Amino acid sequence: MNRFRNIVLVAISTSVAVTLASCGQDTASIQGADSPSNSDQQSHLDDEATWAKGHGELPSKIGDGLTDTLAVDATFTDLFDIKEEVWQQTEYDLPTGVWFSQEENSPIRGYGLTTGTQQAGSKLEIIFFGHTMDGEPVERDVRIQLTERDGIAKSALIDEDIIYVDKVKSSGTEIYENTLPEKENAAYLLSVEMLNADGEVEDTKLSYIYVPIPEANATLAFTESVYQASDSPATLVLHNEGPVPLSLGVDYTIEKQVGQEWRTVPLEMAFIEIGVELPIGGEHRDDIEIGGLSSGKYRAVKEVWAHGIDASFTLAAQFEIK
């Protein structure tokens, strides 16, 4: 499956790929010191010198802020399923479901198209999947276009090919391969049109591709810098300025400044293992129960991943309990 890492894989007859959970607000709980069931943990909390060392120096932000207007269009909020009202503003016919559908009798069982956030010069690929190893008859011309977009409107035709497809195998038949232009801060539509013998369009599939400047700009901070233990919970906010979407989990660690170094607070916290997609301009919030923490300086540490630039960052947001 490695060859599908940068494409959307859609399976019709069986479920092959499911992407992520929604973003939103998540809560982890730190039990209070006066809880009888927590007496052993509290004893360990009191012995700060035995805590494991933390991460050392960490930033609270990535990047210096955006300096360019982004090519990505916010209208394409779902790169995997372009909405009909957006589709109608393009030059392409709406999908009919004749070829690309979820029906069992559809000749094309599934398809893969490069989509989403990509690097300049990266590989473009279109793959069709049939029902049998010997091959499902298609016997159609397929018109493929790569167009650069200015918002929703087409600004340039980058490539156009008409390829005759005889049959497609259940293991997958690659019908198109190319590379994206060596241009950053650009957006494209990759279109696939099934043509009949008269050259008329029988069905259409589109994918939106965004090639960002290879950088990230994000900030991690609490809504307040100083809390009382009774203020629990404290709200941690990750803001993504762009130009790339970010991925993160709902997990984090809490560290306390002990002397001149940061040490990890040994809290018993359980997190749901889900992924959160944070779009450009989006925010993710975690509510953190701080009622069991003594006075002092703390920080929450989170790791985030930047789409399309193969980079990860560890951020820390400080707060104080008085």
C-alpha atoms as a PDB file:
ATOM      1  CA  MET A   1       0.000   0.000   0.000  1.00  0.00           C
ATOM      2  CA  ASN A   2       2.997   2.345   0.133  1.00  0.00           C
ATOM      3  CA  ARG A   3       2.449   3.461  -3.429  1.00  0.00           C
ATOM      4  CA  PHE A   4      -0.887   4.967  -2.387  1.00  0.00           C
ATOM      5  CA  ARG A   5       0.607   7.137   0.364  1.00  0.00           C
ATOM      6  CA  ASN A   6       0.012  10.374  -1.541  1.00  0.00           C
ATOM      7  CA  ILE A   7      -3.252   9.509  -3.281  1.00  0.00           C
ATOM      8  CA  VAL A   8      -6.864   9.088  -2.267  1.00  0.00           C
ATOM      9  CA  LEU A   9      -7.879   5.451  -2.503  1.00  0.00           C
ATOM     10  CA  VAL A  10     -11.603   4.864  -2.851  1.00  0.00           C
ATOM     11  CA  ALA A  11     -12.979   1.350  -2.704  1.00  0.00           C
ATOM     12  CA  ILE A  12     -16.529   0.677  -3.829  1.00  0.00           C
ATOM     13  CA  SER A  13     -17.238  -2.954  -2.955  1.00  0.00           C
ATOM     14  CA  THR A  14     -15.071  -3.125   0.160  1.00  0.00           C
ATOM     15  CA  SER A  15     -13.816  -0.564   2.622  1.00  0.00           C
ATOM     16  CA  VAL A  16     -10.101   0.073   2.102  1.00  0.00           C
ATOM     17  CA  ALA A  17      -9.221   3.372   3.742  1.00  0.00           C
ATOM     18  CA  VAL A  18     -10.769   5.543   6.427  1.00  0.00           C
ATOM     19  CA  THR A  19      -9.205   8.903   7.266  1.00  0.00           C
ATOM     20  CA  LEU A  20      -9.262  10.550  10.570  1.00  0.00           C
ATOM     21  CA  ALA A  21     -11.437  11.934  13.201  1.00  0.00           C
ATOM     22  CA  SER A  22     -12.940  15.356  13.504  1.00  0.00           C
ATOM     23  CA  CYS A  23     -11.262  18.221  15.256  1.00  0.00           C
ATOM     24  CA  GLY A  24     -12.794  19.802  18.284  1.00  0.00           C
ATOM     25  CA  GLN A  25     -12.376  20.006  22.030  1.00  0.00           C
ATOM     26  CA  ASP A  26     -10.948  17.212  24.173  1.00  0.00           C
ATOM     27  CA  THR A  27     -10.538  16.727  27.885  1.00  0.00           C
ATOM     28  CA  ALA A  28      -8.062  14.772  30.001  1.00  0.00           C
ATOM     29  CA  SER A  29      -8.503  14.631  33.736  1.00  0.00           C
ATOM     30  CA  ILE A  30      -6.002  15.025  36.571  1.00  0.00           C
ATOM     31  CA  GLN A  31      -7.593  13.690  39.751  1.00  0.00           C
ATOM     32  CA  GLY A  32      -7.477  15.879  42.840  1.00  0.00           C
ATOM     33  CA  ALA A  33      -4.897  15.358  45.556  1.00  0.00           C
ATOM     34  CA  ASP A  34      -7.561  14.607  48.156  1.00  0.00           C
ATOM     35  CA  SER A  35      -8.903  11.573  46.301  1.00  0.00           C
ATOM     36  CA  PRO A  36      -8.218   8.400  48.402  1.00  0.00           C
ATOM     37  CA  SER A  37      -7.670   6.331  45.272  1.00  0.00           C
ATOM     38  CA  ASN A  38      -4.961   8.777  44.276  1.00  0.00           C
ATOM     39  CA  SER A  39      -2.815   8.656  47.416  1.00  0.00           C
ATOM     40  CA  ASP A  40       0.065   6.715  45.823  1.00  0.00           C
ATOM     41  CA  GLN A  41       0.149   9.058  42.838  1.00  0.00           C
ATOM     42  CA  GLN A  42       0.096  12.109  45.111  1.00  0.00           C
ATOM     43  CA  SER A  43       3.064  10.776  47.080  1.00  0.00           C
ATOM     44  CA  HIS A  44       4.992  10.476  43.833  1.00  0.00           C
ATOM     45  CA  LEU A  45       3.868  13.963  42.781  1.00  0.00           C
ATOM     46  CA  ASP A  46       5.341  15.410  45.966  1.00  0.00           C
ATOM     47  CA  ASP A  47       8.828  14.026  45.182  1.00  0.00           C
ATOM     48  CA  GLU A  48       9.606  16.323  42.242  1.00  0.00           C
ATOM     49  CA  ALA A  49      13.332  15.519  42.215  1.00  0.00           C
ATOM     50  CA  THR A  50      12.565  11.968  41.072  1.00  0.00           C
ATOM     51  CA  TRP A  51      10.503  12.990  38.051  1.00  0.00           C
ATOM     52  CA  ALA A  52      11.842  12.203  34.593  1.00  0.00           C
ATOM     53  CA  LYS A  53      13.538  15.039  32.761  1.00  0.00           C
ATOM     54  CA  GLY A  54      11.376  16.928  30.294  1.00  0.00           C
ATOM     55  CA  HIS A  55      12.081  18.106  26.755  1.00  0.00           C
ATOM     56  CA  GLY A  56      14.464  20.970  27.525  1.00  0.00           C
ATOM     57  CA  GLU A  57      13.992  24.237  25.654  1.00  0.00           C
ATOM     58  CA  LEU A  58      10.916  24.247  23.405  1.00  0.00           C
ATOM     59  CA  PRO A  59       9.207  27.015  21.385  1.00  0.00           C
ATOM     60  CA  SER A  60       5.561  27.957  21.708  1.00  0.00           C
ATOM     61  CA  LYS A  61       5.256  28.795  18.010  1.00  0.00           C
ATOM     62  CA  ILE A  62       6.406  27.662  14.572  1.00  0.00           C
ATOM     63  CA  GLY A  63       7.461  30.193  11.951  1.00  0.00           C
ATOM     64  CA  ASP A  64       7.375  33.971  11.724  1.00  0.00           C
ATOM     65  CA  GLY A  65       3.933  34.361  10.165  1.00  0.00           C
ATOM     66  CA  LEU A  66       2.645  34.339   6.608  1.00  0.00           C
ATOM     67  CA  THR A  67       4.069  36.793   4.095  1.00  0.00           C
ATOM     68  CA  ASP A  68       2.259  35.619   0.925  1.00  0.00           C
ATOM     69  CA  THR A  69      -1.385  35.338  -0.093  1.00  0.00           C
ATOM     70  CA  LEU A  70      -2.171  31.630  -0.174  1.00  0.00           C
ATOM     71  CA  ALA A  71      -3.119  29.921  -3.427  1.00  0.00           C
ATOM     72  CA  VAL A  72      -5.325  27.404  -1.642  1.00  0.00           C
ATOM     73  CA  ASP A  73      -9.045  28.179  -1.903  1.00  0.00           C
ATOM     74  CA  ALA A  74     -11.079  27.774   1.285  1.00  0.00           C
ATOM     75  CA  THR A  75     -14.055  26.704  -0.859  1.00  0.00           C
ATOM     76  CA  PHE A  76     -12.404  23.316  -1.222  1.00  0.00           C
ATOM     77  CA  THR A  77     -12.858  22.458   2.430  1.00  0.00           C
ATOM     78  CA  ASP A  78     -13.101  18.716   1.739  1.00  0.00           C
ATOM     79  CA  LEU A  79     -10.361  17.640  -0.652  1.00  0.00           C
ATOM     80  CA  PHE A  80     -11.794  14.128  -0.867  1.00  0.00           C
ATOM     81  CA  ASP A  81     -15.352  15.106  -1.823  1.00  0.00           C
ATOM     82  CA  ILE A  82     -15.792  18.340  -3.782  1.00  0.00           C
ATOM     83  CA  LYS A  83     -19.266  19.730  -3.104  1.00  0.00           C
ATOM     84  CA  GLU A  84     -21.753  20.069  -5.955  1.00  0.00           C
ATOM     85  CA  GLU A  85     -22.104  23.832  -5.553  1.00  0.00           C
ATOM     86  CA  VAL A  86     -18.317  24.171  -5.943  1.00  0.00           C
ATOM     87  CA  TRP A  87     -18.161  21.679  -8.813  1.00  0.00           C
ATOM     88  CA  GLN A  88     -20.773  23.704 -10.731  1.00  0.00           C
ATOM     89  CA  GLN A  89     -18.444  26.718 -10.695  1.00  0.00           C
ATOM     90  CA  THR A  90     -15.776  24.795 -12.605  1.00  0.00           C
ATOM     91  CA  GLU A  91     -15.690  24.029 -16.335  1.00  0.00           C
ATOM     92  CA  TYR A  92     -16.403  20.331 -15.726  1.00  0.00           C
ATOM     93  CA  ASP A  93     -19.640  18.342 -15.956  1.00  0.00           C
ATOM     94  CA  LEU A  94     -21.124  17.065 -12.722  1.00  0.00           C
ATOM     95  CA  PRO A  95     -20.526  13.374 -11.960  1.00  0.00           C
ATOM     96  CA  THR A  96     -23.210  10.985 -13.200  1.00  0.00           C
ATOM     97  CA  GLY A  97     -22.214   7.825 -11.341  1.00  0.00           C
ATOM     98  CA  VAL A  98     -22.119   5.797 -14.560  1.00  0.00           C
ATOM     99  CA  TRP A  99     -18.456   4.896 -13.983  1.00  0.00           C
ATOM    100  CA  PHE A 100     -17.489   6.353 -10.607  1.00  0.00           C
ATOM    101  CA  SER A 101     -20.159   5.178  -8.178  1.00  0.00           C
ATOM    102  CA  GLN A 102     -20.680   2.968  -5.148  1.00  0.00           C
ATOM    103  CA  GLU A 103     -22.848   0.483  -7.020  1.00  0.00           C
ATOM    104  CA  GLU A 104     -21.676  -3.140  -7.181  1.00  0.00           C
ATOM    105  CA  ASN A 105     -22.259  -3.282 -10.935  1.00  0.00           C
ATOM    106  CA  SER A 106     -20.073  -0.251 -11.643  1.00  0.00           C
ATOM    107  CA  PRO A 107     -17.327  -1.325 -14.089  1.00  0.00           C
ATOM    108  CA  ILE A 108     -14.727   0.590 -12.068  1.00  0.00           C
ATOM    109  CA  ARG A 109     -14.748  -0.815  -8.529  1.00  0.00           C
ATOM    110  CA  GLY A 110     -12.441   1.862  -7.169  1.00  0.00           C
ATOM    111  CA  TYR A 111      -9.978   4.540  -8.168  1.00  0.00           C
ATOM    112  CA  GLY A 112      -6.966   6.410  -6.865  1.00  0.00           C
ATOM    113  CA  LEU A 113      -6.122  10.030  -7.643  1.00  0.00           C
ATOM    114  CA  THR A 114      -3.345  12.177  -6.251  1.00  0.00           C
ATOM    115  CA  THR A 115      -4.994  14.801  -4.074  1.00  0.00           C
ATOM    116  CA  GLY A 116      -4.553  17.084  -1.086  1.00  0.00           C
ATOM    117  CA  THR A 117      -1.344  18.766   0.035  1.00  0.00           C
ATOM    118  CA  GLN A 118       1.658  17.832  -2.121  1.00  0.00           C
ATOM    119  CA  GLN A 119       5.227  18.989  -2.689  1.00  0.00           C
ATOM    120  CA  ALA A 120       6.304  20.787  -5.866  1.00  0.00           C
ATOM    121  CA  GLY A 121       7.510  18.289  -8.453  1.00  0.00           C
ATOM    122  CA  SER A 122       5.904  15.312  -6.718  1.00  0.00           C
ATOM    123  CA  LYS A 123       4.321  12.390  -8.536  1.00  0.00           C
ATOM    124  CA  LEU A 124       0.835  12.485 -10.055  1.00  0.00           C
ATOM    125  CA  GLU A 125      -0.959   9.168 -10.429  1.00  0.00           C
ATOM    126  CA  ILE A 126      -4.363   7.870 -11.503  1.00  0.00           C
ATOM    127  CA  ILE A 127      -5.257   4.208 -10.934  1.00  0.00           C
ATOM    128  CA  PHE A 128      -8.459   2.302 -11.740  1.00  0.00           C
ATOM    129  CA  PHE A 129      -9.519  -0.929 -10.010  1.00  0.00           C
ATOM    130  CA  GLY A 130     -11.722  -3.572 -11.631  1.00  0.00           C
ATOM    131  CA  HIS A 131     -13.589  -6.595 -10.265  1.00  0.00           C
ATOM    132  CA  THR A 132     -11.410  -9.434 -11.591  1.00  0.00           C
ATOM    133  CA  MET A 133      -7.738 -10.316 -11.870  1.00  0.00           C
ATOM    134  CA  ASP A 134      -8.125 -10.819 -15.620  1.00  0.00           C
ATOM    135  CA  GLY A 135      -9.492  -7.309 -16.041  1.00  0.00           C
ATOM    136  CA  GLU A 136     -12.852  -5.554 -16.205  1.00  0.00           C
ATOM    137  CA  PRO A 137     -13.750  -4.244 -19.703  1.00  0.00           C
ATOM    138  CA  VAL A 138     -13.787  -0.446 -19.895  1.00  0.00           C
ATOM    139  CA  GLU A 139     -13.078   0.218 -23.579  1.00  0.00           C
ATOM    140  CA  ARG A 140     -13.229   3.978 -23.298  1.00  0.00           C
ATOM    141  CA  ASP A 141     -11.096   7.031 -23.961  1.00  0.00           C
ATOM    142  CA  VAL A 142     -10.259   8.825 -20.728  1.00  0.00           C
ATOM    143  CA  ARG A 143      -9.454  12.538 -20.864  1.00  0.00           C
ATOM    144  CA  ILE A 144      -7.128  13.726 -18.136  1.00  0.00           C
ATOM    145  CA  GLN A 145      -6.358  17.369 -17.439  1.00  0.00           C
ATOM    146  CA  LEU A 146      -4.199  19.140 -14.908  1.00  0.00           C
ATOM    147  CA  THR A 147      -5.234  22.792 -14.582  1.00  0.00           C
ATOM    148  CA  GLU A 148      -3.852  25.496 -12.333  1.00  0.00           C
ATOM    149  CA  ARG A 149      -6.524  27.386 -10.406  1.00  0.00           C
ATOM    150  CA  ASP A 150      -6.977  30.998  -9.385  1.00  0.00           C
ATOM    151  CA  GLY A 151      -9.527  30.472  -6.659  1.00  0.00           C
ATOM    152  CA  ILE A 152     -12.055  28.204  -8.355  1.00  0.00           C
ATOM    153  CA  ALA A 153     -11.456  29.538 -11.877  1.00  0.00           C
ATOM    154  CA  LYS A 154      -8.973  27.946 -14.269  1.00  0.00           C
ATOM    155  CA  SER A 155      -5.872  30.069 -14.850  1.00  0.00           C
ATOM    156  CA  ALA A 156      -3.820  27.684 -17.021  1.00  0.00           C
ATOM    157  CA  LEU A 157      -3.963  24.261 -18.652  1.00  0.00           C
ATOM    158  CA  ILE A 158      -0.815  22.463 -17.496  1.00  0.00           C
ATOM    159  CA  ASP A 159      -1.345  19.081 -19.160  1.00  0.00           C
ATOM    160  CA  GLU A 160      -3.983  17.217 -21.171  1.00  0.00           C
ATOM    161  CA  ASP A 161      -3.969  13.585 -22.295  1.00  0.00           C
ATOM    162  CA  ILE A 162      -6.552  11.282 -23.835  1.00  0.00           C
ATOM    163  CA  ILE A 163      -5.759   7.683 -22.971  1.00  0.00           C
ATOM    164  CA  TYR A 164      -7.585   4.596 -24.234  1.00  0.00           C
ATOM    165  CA  VAL A 165      -8.352   2.171 -21.405  1.00  0.00           C
ATOM    166  CA  ASP A 166      -9.191  -1.367 -22.521  1.00  0.00           C
ATOM    167  CA  LYS A 167      -9.691  -3.092 -19.162  1.00  0.00           C
ATOM    168  CA  VAL A 168      -8.778  -2.617 -15.510  1.00  0.00           C
ATOM    169  CA  LYS A 169      -7.649  -5.325 -13.098  1.00  0.00           C
ATOM    170  CA  SER A 170      -8.727  -5.840  -9.507  1.00  0.00           C
ATOM    171  CA  SER A 171      -5.100  -5.354  -8.444  1.00  0.00           C
ATOM    172  CA  GLY A 172      -5.157  -1.893 -10.032  1.00  0.00           C
ATOM    173  CA  THR A 173      -4.303  -0.515 -13.461  1.00  0.00           C
ATOM    174  CA  GLU A 174      -2.301   2.697 -13.654  1.00  0.00           C
ATOM    175  CA  ILE A 175      -3.710   4.825 -16.456  1.00  0.00           C
ATOM    176  CA  TYR A 176      -1.752   8.042 -15.894  1.00  0.00           C
ATOM    177  CA  GLU A 177       1.516   9.153 -14.340  1.00  0.00           C
ATOM    178  CA  ASN A 178       3.140  12.580 -14.365  1.00  0.00           C
ATOM    179  CA  THR A 179       4.740  15.114 -12.034  1.00  0.00           C
ATOM    180  CA  LEU A 180       3.521  18.407 -10.636  1.00  0.00           C
ATOM    181  CA  PRO A 181       5.223  21.622 -11.793  1.00  0.00           C
ATOM    182  CA  GLU A 182       8.147  22.897  -9.735  1.00  0.00           C
ATOM    183  CA  LYS A 183       6.060  25.747  -8.350  1.00  0.00           C
ATOM    184  CA  GLU A 184       5.185  26.523  -4.743  1.00  0.00           C
ATOM    185  CA  ASN A 185       2.049  28.228  -3.458  1.00  0.00           C
ATOM    186  CA  ALA A 186      -0.036  26.822  -6.306  1.00  0.00           C
ATOM    187  CA  ALA A 187      -3.368  25.003  -6.570  1.00  0.00           C
ATOM    188  CA  TYR A 188      -4.553  22.555  -9.226  1.00  0.00           C
ATOM    189  CA  LEU A 189      -7.493  20.434 -10.303  1.00  0.00           C
ATOM    190  CA  LEU A 190      -6.754  16.957 -11.630  1.00  0.00           C
ATOM    191  CA  SER A 191      -9.718  15.845 -13.742  1.00  0.00           C
ATOM    192  CA  VAL A 192     -10.706  12.440 -15.123  1.00  0.00           C
ATOM    193  CA  GLU A 193     -13.449  12.338 -17.776  1.00  0.00           C
ATOM    194  CA  MET A 194     -14.851   9.114 -19.248  1.00  0.00           C
ATOM    195  CA  LEU A 195     -15.701   9.655 -22.941  1.00  0.00           C
ATOM    196  CA  ASN A 196     -18.051   7.707 -25.208  1.00  0.00           C
ATOM    197  CA  ALA A 197     -17.430   6.953 -28.890  1.00  0.00           C
ATOM    198  CA  ASP A 198     -18.714  10.423 -29.838  1.00  0.00           C
ATOM    199  CA  GLY A 199     -16.348  12.154 -27.412  1.00  0.00           C
ATOM    200  CA  GLU A 200     -19.145  13.044 -25.005  1.00  0.00           C
ATOM    201  CA  VAL A 201     -18.493  12.998 -21.276  1.00  0.00           C
ATOM    202  CA  GLU A 202     -20.166  10.058 -19.507  1.00  0.00           C
ATOM    203  CA  ASP A 203     -18.768  10.638 -16.023  1.00  0.00           C
ATOM    204  CA  THR A 204     -16.258  12.901 -14.259  1.00  0.00           C
ATOM    205  CA  LYS A 205     -13.991  12.772 -11.231  1.00  0.00           C
ATOM    206  CA  LEU A 206     -12.029  15.721  -9.814  1.00  0.00           C
ATOM    207  CA  SER A 207      -9.332  16.049  -7.191  1.00  0.00           C
ATOM    208  CA  TYR A 208      -7.969  19.262  -5.691  1.00  0.00           C
ATOM    209  CA  ILE A 209      -4.206  19.555  -5.195  1.00  0.00           C
ATOM    210  CA  TYR A 210      -2.462  22.238  -3.156  1.00  0.00           C
ATOM    211  CA  VAL A 211       1.306  22.836  -3.307  1.00  0.00           C
ATOM    212  CA  PRO A 212       2.221  25.112  -0.382  1.00  0.00           C
ATOM    213  CA  ILE A 213       5.336  27.045   0.462  1.00  0.00           C
ATOM    214  CA  PRO A 214       7.250  24.449   2.531  1.00  0.00           C
ATOM    215  CA  GLU A 215       6.831  26.045   5.926  1.00  0.00           C
ATOM    216  CA  ALA A 216       4.447  26.036   8.854  1.00  0.00           C
ATOM    217  CA  ASN A 217       3.152  28.781  11.132  1.00  0.00           C
ATOM    218  CA  ALA A 218       1.349  27.789  14.315  1.00  0.00           C
ATOM    219  CA  THR A 219       1.037  28.903  17.937  1.00  0.00           C
ATOM    220  CA  LEU A 220       0.310  26.905  21.096  1.00  0.00           C
ATOM    221  CA  ALA A 221      -0.938  28.890  24.106  1.00  0.00           C
ATOM    222  CA  PHE A 222      -3.271  28.789  27.079  1.00  0.00           C
ATOM    223  CA  THR A 223      -6.148  31.228  27.201  1.00  0.00           C
ATOM    224  CA  GLU A 224      -4.705  32.542  30.481  1.00  0.00           C
ATOM    225  CA  SER A 225      -1.107  32.708  31.682  1.00  0.00           C
ATOM    226  CA  VAL A 226      -1.842  32.430  35.420  1.00  0.00           C
ATOM    227  CA  TYR A 227      -4.397  30.152  37.111  1.00  0.00           C
ATOM    228  CA  GLN A 228      -5.588  29.217  40.549  1.00  0.00           C
ATOM    229  CA  ALA A 229      -6.009  25.482  41.062  1.00  0.00           C
ATOM    230  CA  SER A 230      -9.711  26.194  41.495  1.00  0.00           C
ATOM    231  CA  ASP A 231      -9.820  27.620  37.945  1.00  0.00           C
ATOM    232  CA  SER A 232      -9.705  24.091  36.498  1.00  0.00           C
ATOM    233  CA  PRO A 233      -9.982  23.300  33.646  1.00  0.00           C
ATOM    234  CA  ALA A 234      -7.419  25.366  31.748  1.00  0.00           C
ATOM    235  CA  THR A 235      -7.900  25.682  27.997  1.00  0.00           C
ATOM    236  CA  LEU A 236      -4.991  24.972  25.642  1.00  0.00           C
ATOM    237  CA  VAL A 237      -5.337  26.330  22.084  1.00  0.00           C
ATOM    238  CA  LEU A 238      -3.363  25.388  18.977  1.00  0.00           C
ATOM    239  CA  HIS A 239      -3.873  27.885  16.135  1.00  0.00           C
ATOM    240  CA  ASN A 240      -2.761  27.040  12.593  1.00  0.00           C
ATOM    241  CA  GLU A 241      -1.978  30.125  10.508  1.00  0.00           C
ATOM    242  CA  GLY A 242      -0.836  28.070   7.499  1.00  0.00           C
ATOM    243  CA  PRO A 243       0.244  27.692   4.768  1.00  0.00           C
ATOM    244  CA  VAL A 244      -0.165  23.928   5.349  1.00  0.00           C
ATOM    245  CA  PRO A 245      -2.755  21.860   7.212  1.00  0.00           C
ATOM    246  CA  LEU A 246      -1.551  20.246  10.426  1.00  0.00           C
ATOM    247  CA  SER A 247      -2.162  16.879  12.068  1.00  0.00           C
ATOM    248  CA  LEU A 248      -2.071  16.200  15.789  1.00  0.00           C
ATOM    249  CA  GLY A 249      -3.365  13.891  18.460  1.00  0.00           C
ATOM    250  CA  VAL A 250      -5.434  14.767  21.505  1.00  0.00           C
ATOM    251  CA  ASP A 251      -2.579  13.701  23.791  1.00  0.00           C
ATOM    252  CA  TYR A 252      -0.089  15.977  25.541  1.00  0.00           C
ATOM    253  CA  THR A 253       2.320  15.909  28.476  1.00  0.00           C
ATOM    254  CA  ILE A 254       2.529  18.286  31.427  1.00  0.00           C
ATOM    255  CA  GLU A 255       5.945  19.437  32.646  1.00  0.00           C
ATOM    256  CA  LYS A 256       6.885  21.511  35.688  1.00  0.00           C
ATOM    257  CA  GLN A 257       9.871  23.790  36.156  1.00  0.00           C
ATOM    258  CA  VAL A 258      11.894  22.228  38.980  1.00  0.00           C
ATOM    259  CA  GLY A 259      14.929  24.345  39.760  1.00  0.00           C
ATOM    260  CA  GLN A 260      16.545  25.229  36.432  1.00  0.00           C
ATOM    261  CA  GLU A 261      15.083  22.376  34.381  1.00  0.00           C
ATOM    262  CA  TRP A 262      11.773  21.022  33.174  1.00  0.00           C
ATOM    263  CA  ARG A 263      10.559  17.694  34.536  1.00  0.00           C
ATOM    264  CA  THR A 264       7.619  15.578  33.393  1.00  0.00           C
ATOM    265  CA  VAL A 265       4.755  15.497  35.887  1.00  0.00           C
ATOM    266  CA  PRO A 266       3.941  11.771  36.441  1.00  0.00           C
ATOM    267  CA  LEU A 267       0.212  11.973  35.891  1.00  0.00           C
ATOM    268  CA  GLU A 268      -1.994   9.016  35.096  1.00  0.00           C
ATOM    269  CA  MET A 269      -3.767  10.256  31.995  1.00  0.00           C
ATOM    270  CA  ALA A 270      -5.467   8.201  29.299  1.00  0.00           C
ATOM    271  CA  PHE A 271      -6.076   9.545  25.792  1.00  0.00           C
ATOM    272  CA  ILE A 272      -8.175   8.294  22.927  1.00  0.00           C
ATOM    273  CA  GLU A 273      -5.882   7.481  20.008  1.00  0.00           C
ATOM    274  CA  ILE A 274      -7.440   9.569  17.261  1.00  0.00           C
ATOM    275  CA  GLY A 275      -5.976  11.924  14.723  1.00  0.00           C
ATOM    276  CA  VAL A 276      -7.077  15.523  14.383  1.00  0.00           C
ATOM    277  CA  GLU A 277      -6.823  17.426  11.102  1.00  0.00           C
ATOM    278  CA  LEU A 278      -6.310  21.156  11.639  1.00  0.00           C
ATOM    279  CA  PRO A 279      -6.983  23.189   8.472  1.00  0.00           C
ATOM    280  CA  ILE A 280      -5.371  26.497   7.611  1.00  0.00           C
ATOM    281  CA  GLY A 281      -6.834  29.126   9.927  1.00  0.00           C
ATOM    282  CA  GLY A 282      -8.242  26.470  12.269  1.00  0.00           C
ATOM    283  CA  GLU A 283      -7.967  26.041  16.032  1.00  0.00           C
ATOM    284  CA  HIS A 284      -7.902  22.959  18.245  1.00  0.00           C
ATOM    285  CA  ARG A 285      -8.718  23.194  21.960  1.00  0.00           C
ATOM    286  CA  ASP A 286      -7.884  20.862  24.848  1.00  0.00           C
ATOM    287  CA  ASP A 287      -9.476  21.336  28.269  1.00  0.00           C
ATOM    288  CA  ILE A 288      -6.906  20.374  30.907  1.00  0.00           C
ATOM    289  CA  GLU A 289      -7.895  19.659  34.500  1.00  0.00           C
ATOM    290  CA  ILE A 290      -5.316  21.367  36.722  1.00  0.00           C
ATOM    291  CA  GLY A 291      -6.996  20.895  40.110  1.00  0.00           C
ATOM    292  CA  GLY A 292      -4.454  18.286  41.251  1.00  0.00           C
ATOM    293  CA  LEU A 293      -1.377  20.427  40.564  1.00  0.00           C
ATOM    294  CA  SER A 294       0.530  22.372  43.234  1.00  0.00           C
ATOM    295  CA  SER A 295       1.686  25.952  42.729  1.00  0.00           C
ATOM    296  CA  GLY A 296       4.519  26.572  40.283  1.00  0.00           C
ATOM    297  CA  LYS A 297       5.366  27.073  36.631  1.00  0.00           C
ATOM    298  CA  TYR A 298       4.147  24.454  34.159  1.00  0.00           C
ATOM    299  CA  ARG A 299       3.886  23.849  30.459  1.00  0.00           C
ATOM    300  CA  ALA A 300       1.854  21.593  28.186  1.00  0.00           C
ATOM    301  CA  VAL A 301       3.801  19.869  25.402  1.00  0.00           C
ATOM    302  CA  LYS A 302       2.244  18.734  22.120  1.00  0.00           C
ATOM    303  CA  GLU A 303       3.630  17.338  18.882  1.00  0.00           C
ATOM    304  CA  VAL A 304       2.195  18.404  15.512  1.00  0.00           C
ATOM    305  CA  TRP A 305       2.848  17.255  11.950  1.00  0.00           C
ATOM    306  CA  ALA A 306       2.800  19.480   8.865  1.00  0.00           C
ATOM    307  CA  HIS A 307       1.150  18.129   5.718  1.00  0.00           C
ATOM    308  CA  GLY A 308       3.070  18.050   2.478  1.00  0.00           C
ATOM    309  CA  ILE A 309       6.453  19.106   3.863  1.00  0.00           C
ATOM    310  CA  ASP A 310       7.352  15.967   5.853  1.00  0.00           C
ATOM    311  CA  ALA A 311       8.045  17.870   9.068  1.00  0.00           C
ATOM    312  CA  SER A 312       7.012  17.569  12.698  1.00  0.00           C
ATOM    313  CA  PHE A 313       7.318  20.054  15.542  1.00  0.00           C
ATOM    314  CA  THR A 314       7.165  19.888  19.325  1.00  0.00           C
ATOM    315  CA  LEU A 315       5.579  22.936  20.946  1.00  0.00           C
ATOM    316  CA  ALA A 316       5.171  23.967  24.570  1.00  0.00           C
ATOM    317  CA  ALA A 317       2.748  26.443  26.150  1.00  0.00           C
ATOM    318  CA  GLN A 318       3.555  27.735  29.625  1.00  0.00           C
ATOM    319  CA  PHE A 319       1.196  28.557  32.475  1.00  0.00           C
ATOM    320  CA  GLU A 320       1.537  29.235  36.181  1.00  0.00           C
ATOM    321  CA  ILE A 321      -0.507  28.051  39.148  1.00  0.00           C
ATOM    322  CA  LYS A 322      -0.559  30.290  42.209  1.00  0.00           C
END
